[in-house]
Every structure is written in C-alpha cells, then in structure tokens.
Amino acid sequence: MSISEVSPASGVSRADAALVLFSGGQDSSVCLAWALERYARVETVGFDYGQRHAVEMQARQAVRHQMAERFPHWADRLGEDHVLDLTGFGAVAQSALTADVAIEMTERGLPSTFVPGRNLVFLIYAAALADRRGLGALVGGMCETDFSGYPDCRRDTLDAMQTALNLGMDRDFAVETPLMTLTKAQTWALAKTLGGEALVDLIVVESHTCYQGDRGELHAWGHGCGECPACELRQKGYEDWDAGGRSPLPSPLAGEGGGEAVG
C-alpha cells in the first residue's frame, strides 16, 4: 500500500493527533473512543498477520462505521484507516491465532495464543506510519491486569519500546495505554463513561474478541464461543461490571468523559 504524508498545513499538530492500533476487539474499540475524546485527529491501523479468522478484520470496519454514525461529535475527528500486510511475520511467529493448533498452556508457561513479539512489531510499523502521517501518539489496548500473561503487554516492555522508537526515529512519540491498569470490568465502565450505554451496546454487538472466530450467538457480553480465554475474560468482566450496577468509571481514570450518542 502507498502511504501519503500529511502536511502540517492540515492544521492539527502532531501532539494533537493519534494513531490507534485497532483490531476491532473490545479493548481497541474502547481505546478508539478514548482517543476520539482526546485528540483532534485520530487514524486507525490494523494488521493482517495471517489470523485464522477474517471476522476480526471485518469487525474493525463495523465498529468504525458505527462510531462515526452514532457519535457525530467524533465523526469529524475520525480519519483514515490503514491495514498493513504482516503475513510474513505471522508465518514466522506461528501460534494458535495463526495456525490450527490447540489453545493450551505451553512449556514456557504462556498460552499457545501468544504470538512472539507481536506488539513490538505492531508498534514499529505503527510508528513508521505515524511518522509519515503526522501523528504523535500511538494508542494501544495493552493491559497487565486482566490479560493472558503476554510479556509484550507489560508497561515496562512498552516503555522500553517507546524509548527505542524515539531514539531510532528521532521523534517524541507517546505510547498511550489507557487500559493498562484497568480490569475488564473497569474497561466496560470506561466505555460507559466515554459514550454511555450506546457505546457499550456498540461494543457488545459489533466488536470481536473470540479466538475461535465465533459470530453466532449474541450473548449479553457479545458474540463468541464462550469457552476460549478471550471470551472468558470478556464475559467475566461484563458480568462483574453488570453485577456492580453498570456504573461508569469515575474521573480521573476516565478523563473528561464523552458526549451523547444519536439514534
């Protein structure tokens, strides 16, 4: 694909522009809403690394479309979407997400869904894209609270990566991880803070998390098989949040909060 540069004449400074690493899942969808509340221009990037299920890439477009349609105050800020071909990387870093193997714990103590170095590779490509597009923040849904033990989700890893990117590109990128210290229940609460029940409903219906690519039954917490680790985390987080009264996440964790949806 050809990447065009964005001129400073666009009127938006690098510091007020963000690139969201966007898979179409629950976490990256909340991060997209978070970024749209905070930055004047927000672009998204997805990665085709040979995932077994194309439904993930389809969910990205559905979430973007619905966010722009239901939240007009975000629509003007939502810029281009980019999809980068990383199938060569996926072939090297094979896992249960890219090959038909069982989802289980490996001898390293990591789940077989772990793709070695995935977030590191994503950030390198995202930073190169952001450099050309005039975007100063890289926003990702990494979290070290309710996660599957992936070492590249830790904030220490991302701090080191931010330092390396800035040294290697002579930039001042900020790697933002708004979900880093939140539980899955708090992630649902953050969605409510940012966009009310309308955003919660959008994420339930349109986003995709299931490792098995199951888009059949729509549960209270969303589509999914209900058995894989991703579904279990998403379901437990939703049920904990729902049982706690479906409250929004209070400031200052949530920031300024959001506006009303339409429709």
Protein backbone atom coordinates (compact mmCIF):
# COMPACT_ATOMS: atom_id res chain seq x y z
CA MET A 1 0.00 0.00 0.00
CA SER A 2 1.09 3.59 -0.56
CA ILE A 3 1.21 5.89 2.46
CA SER A 4 0.74 9.60 1.85
CA GLU A 5 2.32 12.19 4.11
CA VAL A 6 0.15 14.66 5.98
CA SER A 7 1.36 18.23 5.80
CA PRO A 8 1.48 20.42 8.94
CA ALA A 9 -0.83 22.65 6.92
CA SER A 10 -3.62 20.25 7.88
CA GLY A 11 -3.95 22.46 10.93
CA VAL A 12 -3.53 19.72 13.52
CA SER A 13 -0.23 19.39 15.39
CA ARG A 14 1.45 16.03 15.91
CA ALA A 15 0.76 16.34 19.63
CA ASP A 16 -2.97 16.55 18.94
CA ALA A 17 -3.11 13.62 16.53
CA ALA A 18 -3.15 9.90 17.33
CA LEU A 19 -2.90 6.52 15.64
CA VAL A 20 -4.92 3.75 17.31
CA LEU A 21 -3.73 0.16 16.96
CA PHE A 22 -7.17 -1.15 16.12
CA SER A 23 -8.11 -4.82 15.89
CA GLY A 24 -11.87 -4.40 16.22
CA GLY A 25 -11.91 -6.10 19.62
CA GLN A 26 -13.37 -4.81 22.89
CA ASP A 27 -10.16 -3.25 24.17
CA SER A 28 -9.10 -1.48 20.99
CA SER A 29 -12.67 -0.25 20.44
CA VAL A 30 -12.67 1.39 23.87
CA CYS A 31 -9.23 2.82 23.07
CA LEU A 32 -10.58 4.28 19.83
CA ALA A 33 -13.36 6.04 21.73
CA TRP A 34 -10.82 7.22 24.33
CA ALA A 35 -8.61 8.69 21.61
CA LEU A 36 -11.54 10.35 19.83
CA GLU A 37 -12.34 12.17 23.08
CA ARG A 38 -8.81 13.49 23.42
CA TYR A 39 -7.29 14.15 20.01
CA ALA A 40 -8.33 16.43 17.15
CA ARG A 41 -7.42 13.84 14.53
CA VAL A 42 -7.47 10.07 15.01
CA GLU A 43 -6.47 7.46 12.45
CA THR A 44 -6.56 3.69 12.88
CA VAL A 45 -4.26 0.90 11.78
CA GLY A 46 -4.98 -2.81 11.56
CA PHE A 47 -2.57 -5.65 10.90
CA ASP A 48 -3.12 -8.69 8.73
CA TYR A 49 -0.64 -11.15 10.19
CA GLY A 50 -2.38 -14.30 8.94
CA GLN A 51 -5.06 -14.53 11.61
CA ARG A 52 -7.13 -17.68 11.24
CA HIS A 53 -10.41 -15.75 11.23
CA ALA A 54 -11.18 -12.92 8.81
CA VAL A 55 -14.06 -11.84 11.06
CA GLU A 56 -11.62 -9.77 13.12
CA MET A 57 -10.80 -7.58 10.14
CA GLN A 58 -14.49 -7.26 9.27
CA ALA A 59 -15.36 -6.15 12.82
CA ARG A 60 -12.93 -3.24 12.52
CA GLN A 61 -14.94 -1.63 9.76
CA ALA A 62 -18.26 -2.20 11.54
CA VAL A 63 -17.01 -0.55 14.73
CA ARG A 64 -15.55 2.44 12.88
CA HIS A 65 -18.75 2.95 10.88
CA GLN A 66 -21.00 2.73 13.91
CA MET A 67 -18.84 5.07 15.99
CA ALA A 68 -18.99 7.74 13.31
CA GLU A 69 -22.72 7.25 12.81
CA ARG A 70 -23.79 7.15 16.46
CA PHE A 71 -21.37 9.77 17.77
CA PRO A 72 -21.35 12.74 15.35
CA HIS A 73 -19.00 14.73 17.60
CA TRP A 74 -16.39 12.02 16.96
CA ALA A 75 -17.06 11.62 13.24
CA ASP A 76 -15.15 14.77 12.26
CA ARG A 77 -12.12 13.60 14.21
CA LEU A 78 -12.03 10.07 12.79
CA GLY A 79 -9.57 9.99 9.93
CA GLU A 80 -8.23 7.33 7.62
CA ASP A 81 -7.98 3.62 8.32
CA HIS A 82 -4.88 1.70 7.29
CA VAL A 83 -4.36 -2.07 7.02
CA LEU A 84 -0.79 -3.33 6.88
CA ASP A 85 0.21 -6.72 5.49
CA LEU A 86 2.30 -8.59 8.07
CA THR A 87 1.60 -12.11 6.86
CA GLY A 88 5.33 -12.77 6.58
CA PHE A 89 5.71 -12.05 10.30
CA GLY A 90 2.71 -14.24 11.12
CA ALA A 91 4.30 -17.17 9.30
CA VAL A 92 7.47 -16.81 11.39
CA ALA A 93 5.74 -16.20 14.75
CA GLN A 94 3.19 -19.00 14.39
CA SER A 95 0.70 -19.53 17.23
CA ALA A 96 -2.83 -20.75 17.90
CA LEU A 97 -4.05 -17.46 16.44
CA THR A 98 -2.45 -18.15 13.06
CA ALA A 99 -2.46 -21.96 12.86
CA ASP A 100 -4.91 -24.73 13.65
CA VAL A 101 -3.41 -25.83 16.97
CA ALA A 102 -4.96 -26.32 20.39
CA ILE A 103 -5.32 -23.38 22.76
CA GLU A 104 -3.37 -24.51 25.82
CA MET A 105 -0.51 -23.57 28.10
CA THR A 106 2.95 -24.20 26.68
CA GLU A 107 6.11 -25.37 28.44
CA ARG A 108 7.12 -21.69 28.78
CA GLY A 109 4.08 -21.02 30.94
CA LEU A 110 2.50 -18.90 28.18
CA PRO A 111 -0.71 -19.72 26.31
CA SER A 112 -0.36 -21.08 22.79
CA THR A 113 -2.19 -17.96 21.59
CA PHE A 114 0.94 -15.89 22.35
CA VAL A 115 2.43 -14.51 19.12
CA PRO A 116 6.10 -13.78 19.96
CA GLY A 117 6.91 -10.10 19.58
CA ARG A 118 3.52 -9.20 18.09
CA ASN A 119 3.03 -5.91 19.93
CA LEU A 120 6.65 -4.95 19.33
CA VAL A 121 6.28 -5.47 15.59
CA PHE A 122 2.92 -3.69 15.57
CA LEU A 123 4.45 -0.66 17.26
CA ILE A 124 7.39 -0.47 14.85
CA TYR A 125 5.07 -0.46 11.86
CA ALA A 126 2.61 1.89 13.57
CA ALA A 127 5.40 4.35 14.41
CA ALA A 128 6.67 4.32 10.82
CA LEU A 129 3.13 5.02 9.61
CA ALA A 130 2.58 7.71 12.26
CA ASP A 131 5.84 9.38 11.26
CA ARG A 132 4.59 9.79 7.69
CA ARG A 133 1.06 10.74 8.72
CA GLY A 134 2.00 13.40 11.26
CA LEU A 135 0.61 11.54 14.28
CA GLY A 136 2.31 11.93 17.66
CA ALA A 137 0.53 9.37 19.85
CA LEU A 138 0.33 5.61 19.41
CA VAL A 139 -2.67 4.24 21.32
CA GLY A 140 -2.94 0.54 22.18
CA GLY A 141 -5.21 -1.64 24.28
CA MET A 142 -2.43 -3.48 26.12
CA CYS A 143 -3.24 -4.31 29.72
CA GLU A 144 -1.35 -6.03 32.52
CA THR A 145 -4.33 -6.55 34.83
CA ASP A 146 -6.79 -8.95 33.18
CA PHE A 147 -4.63 -10.45 30.45
CA SER A 148 -3.31 -13.82 29.37
CA GLY A 149 0.26 -13.41 30.58
CA TYR A 150 1.69 -11.97 27.38
CA PRO A 151 5.05 -10.31 28.19
CA ASP A 152 4.62 -7.70 25.44
CA CYS A 153 1.54 -6.32 27.21
CA ARG A 154 3.54 -5.10 30.20
CA ARG A 155 4.08 -1.37 30.64
CA ASP A 156 7.81 -1.96 31.21
CA THR A 157 8.01 -3.52 27.75
CA LEU A 158 6.13 -0.63 26.18
CA ASP A 159 8.23 2.00 27.98
CA ALA A 160 11.35 0.37 26.55
CA MET A 161 9.74 0.26 23.11
CA GLN A 162 8.77 3.93 23.30
CA THR A 163 12.36 4.83 24.14
CA ALA A 164 13.69 2.73 21.25
CA LEU A 165 11.22 4.20 18.75
CA ASN A 166 12.05 7.75 19.74
CA LEU A 167 15.77 7.15 19.62
CA GLY A 168 15.62 5.28 16.33
CA MET A 169 13.27 7.73 14.58
CA ASP A 170 14.34 10.96 16.31
CA ARG A 171 10.72 11.61 17.28
CA ASP A 172 8.81 12.12 20.51
CA PHE A 173 6.08 9.50 20.16
CA ALA A 174 3.91 8.81 23.19
CA VAL A 175 2.81 5.18 23.52
CA GLU A 176 -0.54 5.54 25.28
CA THR A 177 -2.14 2.55 27.01
CA PRO A 178 -5.35 3.79 28.69
CA LEU A 179 -6.38 0.28 29.80
CA MET A 180 -3.03 -0.72 31.29
CA THR A 181 -4.15 -0.78 34.95
CA LEU A 182 -7.84 -1.47 34.40
CA THR A 183 -9.66 -4.75 34.91
CA LYS A 184 -12.01 -5.97 32.20
CA ALA A 185 -14.92 -4.79 34.37
CA GLN A 186 -13.37 -1.32 34.53
CA THR A 187 -12.90 -1.37 30.76
CA TRP A 188 -16.67 -1.79 30.36
CA ALA A 189 -17.12 1.04 32.87
CA LEU A 190 -14.76 3.24 30.85
CA ALA A 191 -16.83 2.57 27.73
CA LYS A 192 -19.90 3.80 29.59
CA THR A 193 -18.08 6.94 30.74
CA LEU A 194 -16.97 7.75 27.21
CA GLY A 195 -20.21 7.06 25.36
CA GLY A 196 -22.91 5.87 27.73
CA GLU A 197 -24.94 2.73 27.16
CA ALA A 198 -24.90 3.48 23.41
CA LEU A 199 -21.16 2.82 23.26
CA VAL A 200 -21.48 -0.23 25.48
CA ASP A 201 -24.13 -1.61 23.12
CA LEU A 202 -21.99 -0.86 20.07
CA ILE A 203 -19.05 -2.75 21.57
CA VAL A 204 -21.24 -5.68 22.63
CA VAL A 205 -22.77 -6.09 19.17
CA GLU A 206 -20.03 -5.05 16.74
CA SER A 207 -16.63 -5.76 18.31
CA HIS A 208 -14.97 -9.17 18.12
CA THR A 209 -12.75 -10.85 20.70
CA CYS A 210 -13.28 -14.62 20.34
CA TYR A 211 -10.18 -16.65 19.42
CA GLN A 212 -12.42 -19.14 17.59
CA GLY A 213 -13.94 -16.50 15.31
CA ASP A 214 -17.44 -17.35 16.53
CA ARG A 215 -20.03 -14.74 15.46
CA GLY A 216 -23.07 -16.96 16.06
CA GLU A 217 -24.96 -16.42 19.30
CA LEU A 218 -25.10 -12.89 20.70
CA HIS A 219 -24.59 -13.14 24.46
CA ALA A 220 -25.16 -10.26 26.88
CA TRP A 221 -21.42 -9.56 26.63
CA GLY A 222 -21.13 -10.01 22.86
CA HIS A 223 -20.54 -12.64 20.20
CA GLY A 224 -18.20 -15.53 20.94
CA CYS A 225 -17.78 -19.21 21.71
CA GLY A 226 -17.86 -18.54 25.46
CA GLU A 227 -15.07 -21.05 26.07
CA CYS A 228 -11.77 -19.62 24.81
CA PRO A 229 -9.62 -17.47 27.16
CA ALA A 230 -10.59 -14.25 25.35
CA CYS A 231 -14.31 -14.94 25.73
CA GLU A 232 -13.90 -15.95 29.36
CA LEU A 233 -12.14 -12.67 30.20
CA ARG A 234 -14.69 -10.60 28.29
CA GLN A 235 -17.67 -12.41 29.81
CA LYS A 236 -16.36 -12.27 33.39
CA GLY A 237 -15.56 -8.56 33.05
CA TYR A 238 -19.01 -7.77 31.71
CA GLU A 239 -20.78 -9.82 34.37
CA ASP A 240 -18.72 -8.27 37.18
CA TRP A 241 -19.47 -4.78 35.85
CA ASP A 242 -23.16 -5.57 35.38
CA ALA A 243 -23.45 -7.07 38.86
CA GLY A 244 -21.83 -3.93 40.29
CA GLY A 245 -24.56 -1.68 38.90
CA ARG A 246 -23.14 -0.82 35.44
CA SER A 247 -21.55 2.35 36.79
CA PRO A 248 -19.26 4.49 34.64
CA LEU A 249 -15.61 4.76 35.56
CA PRO A 250 -15.17 7.86 37.73
CA SER A 251 -12.63 10.57 36.98
CA PRO A 252 -9.70 10.99 36.87
CA LEU A 253 -9.12 7.49 35.47
CA ALA A 254 -11.58 8.10 32.66
CA GLY A 255 -10.52 11.64 31.80
CA GLU A 256 -13.05 14.18 30.65
CA GLY A 257 -15.80 11.80 29.56
CA GLY A 258 -17.90 11.90 26.44
CA GLY A 259 -20.95 13.30 24.77
CA GLU A 260 -24.28 11.83 23.82
CA ALA A 261 -24.86 9.40 21.01
CA VAL A 262 -27.60 9.80 18.42
CA GLY A 263 -30.14 7.25 17.34
